[in-house]
mmCIF file of all heavy atoms, coordinates in Angstrom:
data_MODEL
# 
_entry.id   MODEL 
# 
loop_
_atom_site.group_PDB 
_atom_site.id 
_atom_site.type_symbol 
_atom_site.label_atom_id 
_atom_site.label_alt_id 
_atom_site.label_comp_id 
_atom_site.label_asym_id 
_atom_site.label_entity_id 
_atom_site.label_seq_id 
_atom_site.pdbx_PDB_ins_code 
_atom_site.Cartn_x 
_atom_site.Cartn_y 
_atom_site.Cartn_z 
_atom_site.occupancy 
_atom_site.B_iso_or_equiv 
_atom_site.pdbx_formal_charge 
_atom_site.auth_seq_id 
_atom_site.auth_comp_id 
_atom_site.auth_asym_id 
_atom_site.auth_atom_id 
_atom_site.pdbx_PDB_model_num 
ATOM 1   N N   . PHE A 1 1  ? -14.263 -4.499 -3.009 1.00 0.00 ? 1  PHE A N   1 
ATOM 2   C CA  . PHE A 1 1  ? -12.965 -5.142 -3.203 1.00 0.00 ? 1  PHE A CA  1 
ATOM 3   C C   . PHE A 1 1  ? -12.445 -4.898 -4.615 1.00 0.00 ? 1  PHE A C   1 
ATOM 4   O O   . PHE A 1 1  ? -11.244 -4.772 -4.819 1.00 0.00 ? 1  PHE A O   1 
ATOM 5   C CB  . PHE A 1 1  ? -13.073 -6.645 -2.935 1.00 0.00 ? 1  PHE A CB  1 
ATOM 6   C CG  . PHE A 1 1  ? -12.943 -7.020 -1.490 1.00 0.00 ? 1  PHE A CG  1 
ATOM 7   C CD1 . PHE A 1 1  ? -13.903 -6.646 -0.571 1.00 0.00 ? 1  PHE A CD1 1 
ATOM 8   C CD2 . PHE A 1 1  ? -11.846 -7.741 -1.051 1.00 0.00 ? 1  PHE A CD2 1 
ATOM 9   C CE1 . PHE A 1 1  ? -13.792 -6.992 0.757  1.00 0.00 ? 1  PHE A CE1 1 
ATOM 10  C CE2 . PHE A 1 1  ? -11.721 -8.089 0.281  1.00 0.00 ? 1  PHE A CE2 1 
ATOM 11  C CZ  . PHE A 1 1  ? -12.697 -7.719 1.192  1.00 0.00 ? 1  PHE A CZ  1 
ATOM 12  N N   . ASP A 1 2  ? -13.346 -4.810 -5.581 1.00 0.00 ? 2  ASP A N   1 
ATOM 13  C CA  . ASP A 1 2  ? -12.945 -4.616 -6.973 1.00 0.00 ? 2  ASP A CA  1 
ATOM 14  C C   . ASP A 1 2  ? -12.488 -3.186 -7.257 1.00 0.00 ? 2  ASP A C   1 
ATOM 15  O O   . ASP A 1 2  ? -11.776 -2.945 -8.227 1.00 0.00 ? 2  ASP A O   1 
ATOM 16  C CB  . ASP A 1 2  ? -14.109 -4.946 -7.922 1.00 0.00 ? 2  ASP A CB  1 
ATOM 17  C CG  . ASP A 1 2  ? -14.523 -6.400 -7.835 1.00 0.00 ? 2  ASP A CG  1 
ATOM 18  O OD1 . ASP A 1 2  ? -13.673 -7.245 -7.483 1.00 0.00 ? 2  ASP A OD1 1 
ATOM 19  O OD2 . ASP A 1 2  ? -15.702 -6.690 -8.107 1.00 0.00 ? 2  ASP A OD2 1 
ATOM 20  N N   . LEU A 1 3  ? -12.910 -2.244 -6.442 1.00 0.00 ? 3  LEU A N   1 
ATOM 21  C CA  . LEU A 1 3  ? -12.646 -0.833 -6.727 1.00 0.00 ? 3  LEU A CA  1 
ATOM 22  C C   . LEU A 1 3  ? -11.430 -0.270 -6.000 1.00 0.00 ? 3  LEU A C   1 
ATOM 23  O O   . LEU A 1 3  ? -11.158 0.923  -6.097 1.00 0.00 ? 3  LEU A O   1 
ATOM 24  C CB  . LEU A 1 3  ? -13.894 -0.007 -6.386 1.00 0.00 ? 3  LEU A CB  1 
ATOM 25  C CG  . LEU A 1 3  ? -15.142 -0.387 -7.202 1.00 0.00 ? 3  LEU A CG  1 
ATOM 26  C CD1 . LEU A 1 3  ? -16.349 0.403  -6.724 1.00 0.00 ? 3  LEU A CD1 1 
ATOM 27  C CD2 . LEU A 1 3  ? -14.899 -0.178 -8.687 1.00 0.00 ? 3  LEU A CD2 1 
ATOM 28  N N   . VAL A 1 4  ? -10.705 -1.095 -5.275 1.00 0.00 ? 4  VAL A N   1 
ATOM 29  C CA  . VAL A 1 4  ? -9.505  -0.633 -4.570 1.00 0.00 ? 4  VAL A CA  1 
ATOM 30  C C   . VAL A 1 4  ? -8.452  -0.236 -5.604 1.00 0.00 ? 4  VAL A C   1 
ATOM 31  O O   . VAL A 1 4  ? -8.009  -1.057 -6.404 1.00 0.00 ? 4  VAL A O   1 
ATOM 32  C CB  . VAL A 1 4  ? -8.960  -1.747 -3.644 1.00 0.00 ? 4  VAL A CB  1 
ATOM 33  C CG1 . VAL A 1 4  ? -7.601  -1.375 -3.090 1.00 0.00 ? 4  VAL A CG1 1 
ATOM 34  C CG2 . VAL A 1 4  ? -9.949  -2.030 -2.526 1.00 0.00 ? 4  VAL A CG2 1 
ATOM 35  N N   . LEU A 1 5  ? -8.085  1.041  -5.588 1.00 0.00 ? 5  LEU A N   1 
ATOM 36  C CA  . LEU A 1 5  ? -7.081  1.548  -6.529 1.00 0.00 ? 5  LEU A CA  1 
ATOM 37  C C   . LEU A 1 5  ? -5.684  1.166  -6.032 1.00 0.00 ? 5  LEU A C   1 
ATOM 38  O O   . LEU A 1 5  ? -5.315  1.487  -4.899 1.00 0.00 ? 5  LEU A O   1 
ATOM 39  C CB  . LEU A 1 5  ? -7.201  3.060  -6.658 1.00 0.00 ? 5  LEU A CB  1 
ATOM 40  C CG  . LEU A 1 5  ? -8.552  3.567  -7.164 1.00 0.00 ? 5  LEU A CG  1 
ATOM 41  C CD1 . LEU A 1 5  ? -8.621  5.084  -7.085 1.00 0.00 ? 5  LEU A CD1 1 
ATOM 42  C CD2 . LEU A 1 5  ? -8.806  3.075  -8.580 1.00 0.00 ? 5  LEU A CD2 1 
ATOM 43  N N   . HIS A 1 6  ? -4.914  0.481  -6.862 1.00 0.00 ? 6  HIS A N   1 
ATOM 44  C CA  . HIS A 1 6  ? -3.616  -0.033 -6.442 1.00 0.00 ? 6  HIS A CA  1 
ATOM 45  C C   . HIS A 1 6  ? -2.665  1.064  -5.964 1.00 0.00 ? 6  HIS A C   1 
ATOM 46  O O   . HIS A 1 6  ? -2.007  0.915  -4.935 1.00 0.00 ? 6  HIS A O   1 
ATOM 47  C CB  . HIS A 1 6  ? -2.971  -0.838 -7.563 1.00 0.00 ? 6  HIS A CB  1 
ATOM 48  C CG  . HIS A 1 6  ? -3.700  -2.104 -7.859 1.00 0.00 ? 6  HIS A CG  1 
ATOM 49  N ND1 . HIS A 1 6  ? -3.513  -2.811 -9.019 1.00 0.00 ? 6  HIS A ND1 1 
ATOM 50  C CD2 . HIS A 1 6  ? -4.624  -2.806 -7.154 1.00 0.00 ? 6  HIS A CD2 1 
ATOM 51  C CE1 . HIS A 1 6  ? -4.286  -3.890 -9.013 1.00 0.00 ? 6  HIS A CE1 1 
ATOM 52  N NE2 . HIS A 1 6  ? -4.971  -3.894 -7.903 1.00 0.00 ? 6  HIS A NE2 1 
ATOM 53  N N   . GLY A 1 7  ? -2.581  2.150  -6.721 1.00 0.00 ? 7  GLY A N   1 
ATOM 54  C CA  . GLY A 1 7  ? -1.674  3.234  -6.337 1.00 0.00 ? 7  GLY A CA  1 
ATOM 55  C C   . GLY A 1 7  ? -2.036  3.824  -4.983 1.00 0.00 ? 7  GLY A C   1 
ATOM 56  O O   . GLY A 1 7  ? -1.166  4.057  -4.134 1.00 0.00 ? 7  GLY A O   1 
ATOM 57  N N   . ARG A 1 8  ? -3.317  4.060  -4.765 1.00 0.00 ? 8  ARG A N   1 
ATOM 58  C CA  . ARG A 1 8  ? -3.770  4.619  -3.491 1.00 0.00 ? 8  ARG A CA  1 
ATOM 59  C C   . ARG A 1 8  ? -3.515  3.639  -2.351 1.00 0.00 ? 8  ARG A C   1 
ATOM 60  O O   . ARG A 1 8  ? -3.089  4.023  -1.265 1.00 0.00 ? 8  ARG A O   1 
ATOM 61  C CB  . ARG A 1 8  ? -5.249  4.977  -3.578 1.00 0.00 ? 8  ARG A CB  1 
ATOM 62  C CG  . ARG A 1 8  ? -5.732  5.770  -2.369 1.00 0.00 ? 8  ARG A CG  1 
ATOM 63  C CD  . ARG A 1 8  ? -7.200  6.125  -2.452 1.00 0.00 ? 8  ARG A CD  1 
ATOM 64  N NE  . ARG A 1 8  ? -7.468  7.061  -3.532 1.00 0.00 ? 8  ARG A NE  1 
ATOM 65  C CZ  . ARG A 1 8  ? -8.688  7.460  -3.863 1.00 0.00 ? 8  ARG A CZ  1 
ATOM 66  N NH1 . ARG A 1 8  ? -9.743  7.015  -3.227 1.00 0.00 ? 8  ARG A NH1 1 
ATOM 67  N NH2 . ARG A 1 8  ? -8.866  8.314  -4.845 1.00 0.00 ? 8  ARG A NH2 1 
ATOM 68  N N   . LEU A 1 9  ? -3.741  2.361  -2.586 1.00 0.00 ? 9  LEU A N   1 
ATOM 69  C CA  . LEU A 1 9  ? -3.511  1.339  -1.565 1.00 0.00 ? 9  LEU A CA  1 
ATOM 70  C C   . LEU A 1 9  ? -2.033  1.281  -1.194 1.00 0.00 ? 9  LEU A C   1 
ATOM 71  O O   . LEU A 1 9  ? -1.682  1.237  -0.007 1.00 0.00 ? 9  LEU A O   1 
ATOM 72  C CB  . LEU A 1 9  ? -3.983  -0.031 -2.060 1.00 0.00 ? 9  LEU A CB  1 
ATOM 73  C CG  . LEU A 1 9  ? -3.675  -1.222 -1.155 1.00 0.00 ? 9  LEU A CG  1 
ATOM 74  C CD1 . LEU A 1 9  ? -4.337  -1.063 0.210  1.00 0.00 ? 9  LEU A CD1 1 
ATOM 75  C CD2 . LEU A 1 9  ? -4.106  -2.512 -1.823 1.00 0.00 ? 9  LEU A CD2 1 
ATOM 76  N N   . LEU A 1 10 ? -1.152  1.301  -2.180 1.00 0.00 ? 10 LEU A N   1 
ATOM 77  C CA  . LEU A 1 10 ? 0.277   1.244  -1.906 1.00 0.00 ? 10 LEU A CA  1 
ATOM 78  C C   . LEU A 1 10 ? 0.739   2.478  -1.126 1.00 0.00 ? 10 LEU A C   1 
ATOM 79  O O   . LEU A 1 10 ? 1.583   2.368  -0.233 1.00 0.00 ? 10 LEU A O   1 
ATOM 80  C CB  . LEU A 1 10 ? 1.057   1.081  -3.210 1.00 0.00 ? 10 LEU A CB  1 
ATOM 81  C CG  . LEU A 1 10 ? 0.877   -0.281 -3.895 1.00 0.00 ? 10 LEU A CG  1 
ATOM 82  C CD1 . LEU A 1 10 ? 1.460   -0.266 -5.295 1.00 0.00 ? 10 LEU A CD1 1 
ATOM 83  C CD2 . LEU A 1 10 ? 1.471   -1.401 -3.059 1.00 0.00 ? 10 LEU A CD2 1 
ATOM 84  N N   . THR A 1 11 ? 0.171   3.631  -1.428 1.00 0.00 ? 11 THR A N   1 
ATOM 85  C CA  . THR A 1 11 ? 0.498   4.845  -0.668 1.00 0.00 ? 11 THR A CA  1 
ATOM 86  C C   . THR A 1 11 ? 0.065   4.702  0.779  1.00 0.00 ? 11 THR A C   1 
ATOM 87  O O   . THR A 1 11 ? 0.805   5.062  1.706  1.00 0.00 ? 11 THR A O   1 
ATOM 88  C CB  . THR A 1 11 ? -0.179  6.073  -1.308 1.00 0.00 ? 11 THR A CB  1 
ATOM 89  O OG1 . THR A 1 11 ? 0.315   6.229  -2.640 1.00 0.00 ? 11 THR A OG1 1 
ATOM 90  C CG2 . THR A 1 11 ? 0.083   7.336  -0.513 1.00 0.00 ? 11 THR A CG2 1 
ATOM 91  N N   . LYS A 1 12 ? -1.124  4.172  0.997  1.00 0.00 ? 12 LYS A N   1 
ATOM 92  C CA  . LYS A 1 12 ? -1.616  3.986  2.365  1.00 0.00 ? 12 LYS A CA  1 
ATOM 93  C C   . LYS A 1 12 ? -0.742  2.996  3.124  1.00 0.00 ? 12 LYS A C   1 
ATOM 94  O O   . LYS A 1 12 ? -0.446  3.201  4.297  1.00 0.00 ? 12 LYS A O   1 
ATOM 95  C CB  . LYS A 1 12 ? -3.077  3.515  2.346  1.00 0.00 ? 12 LYS A CB  1 
ATOM 96  C CG  . LYS A 1 12 ? -4.025  4.608  1.885  1.00 0.00 ? 12 LYS A CG  1 
ATOM 97  C CD  . LYS A 1 12 ? -5.454  4.123  1.830  1.00 0.00 ? 12 LYS A CD  1 
ATOM 98  C CE  . LYS A 1 12 ? -6.370  5.228  1.329  1.00 0.00 ? 12 LYS A CE  1 
ATOM 99  N NZ  . LYS A 1 12 ? -7.776  4.968  1.569  1.00 0.00 ? 12 LYS A NZ  1 
ATOM 100 N N   . PHE A 1 13 ? -0.303  1.932  2.462  1.00 0.00 ? 13 PHE A N   1 
ATOM 101 C CA  . PHE A 1 13 ? 0.600   0.982  3.102  1.00 0.00 ? 13 PHE A CA  1 
ATOM 102 C C   . PHE A 1 13 ? 1.912   1.652  3.465  1.00 0.00 ? 13 PHE A C   1 
ATOM 103 O O   . PHE A 1 13 ? 2.425   1.471  4.567  1.00 0.00 ? 13 PHE A O   1 
ATOM 104 C CB  . PHE A 1 13 ? 0.875   -0.214 2.180  1.00 0.00 ? 13 PHE A CB  1 
ATOM 105 C CG  . PHE A 1 13 ? 0.121   -1.445 2.562  1.00 0.00 ? 13 PHE A CG  1 
ATOM 106 C CD1 . PHE A 1 13 ? -0.975  -1.834 1.830  1.00 0.00 ? 13 PHE A CD1 1 
ATOM 107 C CD2 . PHE A 1 13 ? 0.504   -2.207 3.654  1.00 0.00 ? 13 PHE A CD2 1 
ATOM 108 C CE1 . PHE A 1 13 ? -1.681  -2.972 2.163  1.00 0.00 ? 13 PHE A CE1 1 
ATOM 109 C CE2 . PHE A 1 13 ? -0.198  -3.337 4.001  1.00 0.00 ? 13 PHE A CE2 1 
ATOM 110 C CZ  . PHE A 1 13 ? -1.294  -3.726 3.251  1.00 0.00 ? 13 PHE A CZ  1 
ATOM 111 N N   . ALA A 1 14 ? 2.464   2.419  2.542  1.00 0.00 ? 14 ALA A N   1 
ATOM 112 C CA  . ALA A 1 14 ? 3.734   3.090  2.802  1.00 0.00 ? 14 ALA A CA  1 
ATOM 113 C C   . ALA A 1 14 ? 3.613   4.034  3.999  1.00 0.00 ? 14 ALA A C   1 
ATOM 114 O O   . ALA A 1 14 ? 4.520   4.113  4.831  1.00 0.00 ? 14 ALA A O   1 
ATOM 115 C CB  . ALA A 1 14 ? 4.184   3.854  1.559  1.00 0.00 ? 14 ALA A CB  1 
ATOM 116 N N   . ASN A 1 15 ? 2.485   4.725  4.096  1.00 0.00 ? 15 ASN A N   1 
ATOM 117 C CA  . ASN A 1 15 ? 2.271   5.660  5.208  1.00 0.00 ? 15 ASN A CA  1 
ATOM 118 C C   . ASN A 1 15 ? 2.020   4.960  6.537  1.00 0.00 ? 15 ASN A C   1 
ATOM 119 O O   . ASN A 1 15 ? 2.064   5.597  7.587  1.00 0.00 ? 15 ASN A O   1 
ATOM 120 C CB  . ASN A 1 15 ? 1.117   6.605  4.894  1.00 0.00 ? 15 ASN A CB  1 
ATOM 121 C CG  . ASN A 1 15 ? 1.442   7.551  3.761  1.00 0.00 ? 15 ASN A CG  1 
ATOM 122 O OD1 . ASN A 1 15 ? 2.600   7.813  3.474  1.00 0.00 ? 15 ASN A OD1 1 
ATOM 123 N ND2 . ASN A 1 15 ? 0.421   8.045  3.087  1.00 0.00 ? 15 ASN A ND2 1 
ATOM 124 N N   . SER A 1 16 ? 1.746   3.654  6.489  1.00 0.00 ? 16 SER A N   1 
ATOM 125 C CA  . SER A 1 16 ? 1.467   2.921  7.729  1.00 0.00 ? 16 SER A CA  1 
ATOM 126 C C   . SER A 1 16 ? 2.736   2.490  8.447  1.00 0.00 ? 16 SER A C   1 
ATOM 127 O O   . SER A 1 16 ? 2.669   1.994  9.560  1.00 0.00 ? 16 SER A O   1 
ATOM 128 C CB  . SER A 1 16 ? 0.604   1.689  7.430  1.00 0.00 ? 16 SER A CB  1 
ATOM 129 O OG  . SER A 1 16 ? 1.389   0.663  6.840  1.00 0.00 ? 16 SER A OG  1 
ATOM 130 N N   . GLY A 1 17 ? 3.876   2.655  7.815  1.00 0.00 ? 17 GLY A N   1 
ATOM 131 C CA  . GLY A 1 17 ? 5.131   2.263  8.450  1.00 0.00 ? 17 GLY A CA  1 
ATOM 132 C C   . GLY A 1 17 ? 5.528   0.822  8.194  1.00 0.00 ? 17 GLY A C   1 
ATOM 133 O O   . GLY A 1 17 ? 6.403   0.293  8.866  1.00 0.00 ? 17 GLY A O   1 
ATOM 134 N N   . VAL A 1 18 ? 4.896   0.186  7.214  1.00 0.00 ? 18 VAL A N   1 
ATOM 135 C CA  . VAL A 1 18 ? 5.224   -1.195 6.876  1.00 0.00 ? 18 VAL A CA  1 
ATOM 136 C C   . VAL A 1 18 ? 6.663   -1.252 6.353  1.00 0.00 ? 18 VAL A C   1 
ATOM 137 O O   . VAL A 1 18 ? 7.109   -0.361 5.627  1.00 0.00 ? 18 VAL A O   1 
ATOM 138 C CB  . VAL A 1 18 ? 4.221   -1.735 5.818  1.00 0.00 ? 18 VAL A CB  1 
ATOM 139 C CG1 . VAL A 1 18 ? 4.679   -3.050 5.225  1.00 0.00 ? 18 VAL A CG1 1 
ATOM 140 C CG2 . VAL A 1 18 ? 2.855   -1.893 6.428  1.00 0.00 ? 18 VAL A CG2 1 
ATOM 141 N N   . ASP A 1 19 ? 7.375   -2.274 6.717  1.00 0.00 ? 19 ASP A N   1 
ATOM 142 C CA  . ASP A 1 19 ? 8.747   -2.496 6.279  1.00 0.00 ? 19 ASP A CA  1 
ATOM 143 C C   . ASP A 1 19 ? 8.825   -2.436 4.750  1.00 0.00 ? 19 ASP A C   1 
ATOM 144 O O   . ASP A 1 19 ? 7.936   -2.947 4.059  1.00 0.00 ? 19 ASP A O   1 
ATOM 145 C CB  . ASP A 1 19 ? 9.214   -3.868 6.791  1.00 0.00 ? 19 ASP A CB  1 
ATOM 146 C CG  . ASP A 1 19 ? 10.655  -4.148 6.470  1.00 0.00 ? 19 ASP A CG  1 
ATOM 147 O OD1 . ASP A 1 19 ? 10.939  -4.528 5.314  1.00 0.00 ? 19 ASP A OD1 1 
ATOM 148 O OD2 . ASP A 1 19 ? 11.501  -3.990 7.367  1.00 0.00 ? 19 ASP A OD2 1 
ATOM 149 N N   . SER A 1 20 ? 9.886   -1.856 4.223  1.00 0.00 ? 20 SER A N   1 
ATOM 150 C CA  . SER A 1 20 ? 10.020  -1.671 2.778  1.00 0.00 ? 20 SER A CA  1 
ATOM 151 C C   . SER A 1 20 ? 10.043  -3.006 2.034  1.00 0.00 ? 20 SER A C   1 
ATOM 152 O O   . SER A 1 20 ? 9.580   -3.091 0.901  1.00 0.00 ? 20 SER A O   1 
ATOM 153 C CB  . SER A 1 20 ? 11.266  -0.858 2.448  1.00 0.00 ? 20 SER A CB  1 
ATOM 154 O OG  . SER A 1 20 ? 12.431  -1.544 2.889  1.00 0.00 ? 20 SER A OG  1 
ATOM 155 N N   . ARG A 1 21 ? 10.563  -4.065 2.657  1.00 0.00 ? 21 ARG A N   1 
ATOM 156 C CA  . ARG A 1 21 ? 10.562  -5.378 2.001  1.00 0.00 ? 21 ARG A CA  1 
ATOM 157 C C   . ARG A 1 21 ? 9.136   -5.899 1.831  1.00 0.00 ? 21 ARG A C   1 
ATOM 158 O O   . ARG A 1 21 ? 8.808   -6.521 0.821  1.00 0.00 ? 21 ARG A O   1 
ATOM 159 C CB  . ARG A 1 21 ? 11.403  -6.369 2.799  1.00 0.00 ? 21 ARG A CB  1 
ATOM 160 C CG  . ARG A 1 21 ? 12.902  -5.992 2.787  1.00 0.00 ? 21 ARG A CG  1 
ATOM 161 C CD  . ARG A 1 21 ? 13.659  -6.829 3.743  1.00 0.00 ? 21 ARG A CD  1 
ATOM 162 N NE  . ARG A 1 21 ? 13.201  -6.464 5.105  1.00 0.00 ? 21 ARG A NE  1 
ATOM 163 C CZ  . ARG A 1 21 ? 13.680  -6.960 6.211  1.00 0.00 ? 21 ARG A CZ  1 
ATOM 164 N NH1 . ARG A 1 21 ? 14.619  -7.881 6.175  1.00 0.00 ? 21 ARG A NH1 1 
ATOM 165 N NH2 . ARG A 1 21 ? 13.239  -6.572 7.387  1.00 0.00 ? 21 ARG A NH2 1 
ATOM 166 N N   . VAL A 1 22 ? 8.284   -5.625 2.815  1.00 0.00 ? 22 VAL A N   1 
ATOM 167 C CA  . VAL A 1 22 ? 6.883   -6.031 2.719  1.00 0.00 ? 22 VAL A CA  1 
ATOM 168 C C   . VAL A 1 22 ? 6.202   -5.215 1.619  1.00 0.00 ? 22 VAL A C   1 
ATOM 169 O O   . VAL A 1 22 ? 5.385   -5.741 0.859  1.00 0.00 ? 22 VAL A O   1 
ATOM 170 C CB  . VAL A 1 22 ? 6.160   -5.862 4.075  1.00 0.00 ? 22 VAL A CB  1 
ATOM 171 C CG1 . VAL A 1 22 ? 4.676   -6.144 3.952  1.00 0.00 ? 22 VAL A CG1 1 
ATOM 172 C CG2 . VAL A 1 22 ? 6.797   -6.763 5.126  1.00 0.00 ? 22 VAL A CG2 1 
ATOM 173 N N   . MET A 1 23 ? 6.552   -3.940 1.542  1.00 0.00 ? 23 MET A N   1 
ATOM 174 C CA  . MET A 1 23 ? 5.985   -3.079 0.494  1.00 0.00 ? 23 MET A CA  1 
ATOM 175 C C   . MET A 1 23 ? 6.305   -3.632 -0.900 1.00 0.00 ? 23 MET A C   1 
ATOM 176 O O   . MET A 1 23 ? 5.435   -3.665 -1.769 1.00 0.00 ? 23 MET A O   1 
ATOM 177 C CB  . MET A 1 23 ? 6.526   -1.649 0.611  1.00 0.00 ? 23 MET A CB  1 
ATOM 178 C CG  . MET A 1 23 ? 5.861   -0.817 1.669  1.00 0.00 ? 23 MET A CG  1 
ATOM 179 S SD  . MET A 1 23 ? 4.113   -0.532 1.353  1.00 0.00 ? 23 MET A SD  1 
ATOM 180 C CE  . MET A 1 23 ? 4.151   0.207  -0.269 1.00 0.00 ? 23 MET A CE  1 
ATOM 181 N N   . VAL A 1 24 ? 7.534   -4.058 -1.091 1.00 0.00 ? 24 VAL A N   1 
ATOM 182 C CA  . VAL A 1 24 ? 7.930   -4.625 -2.393 1.00 0.00 ? 24 VAL A CA  1 
ATOM 183 C C   . VAL A 1 24 ? 7.109   -5.875 -2.673 1.00 0.00 ? 24 VAL A C   1 
ATOM 184 O O   . VAL A 1 24 ? 6.612   -6.071 -3.791 1.00 0.00 ? 24 VAL A O   1 
ATOM 185 C CB  . VAL A 1 24 ? 9.446   -4.939 -2.419 1.00 0.00 ? 24 VAL A CB  1 
ATOM 186 C CG1 . VAL A 1 24 ? 9.819   -5.769 -3.632 1.00 0.00 ? 24 VAL A CG1 1 
ATOM 187 C CG2 . VAL A 1 24 ? 10.248  -3.652 -2.371 1.00 0.00 ? 24 VAL A CG2 1 
# 
């Protein structure tokens, strides 16, 4: 849990099709 890279996580979320408001 401590090693999750924020940038990589946000990219994975964006690629999942999550609504842009949720992404923000």
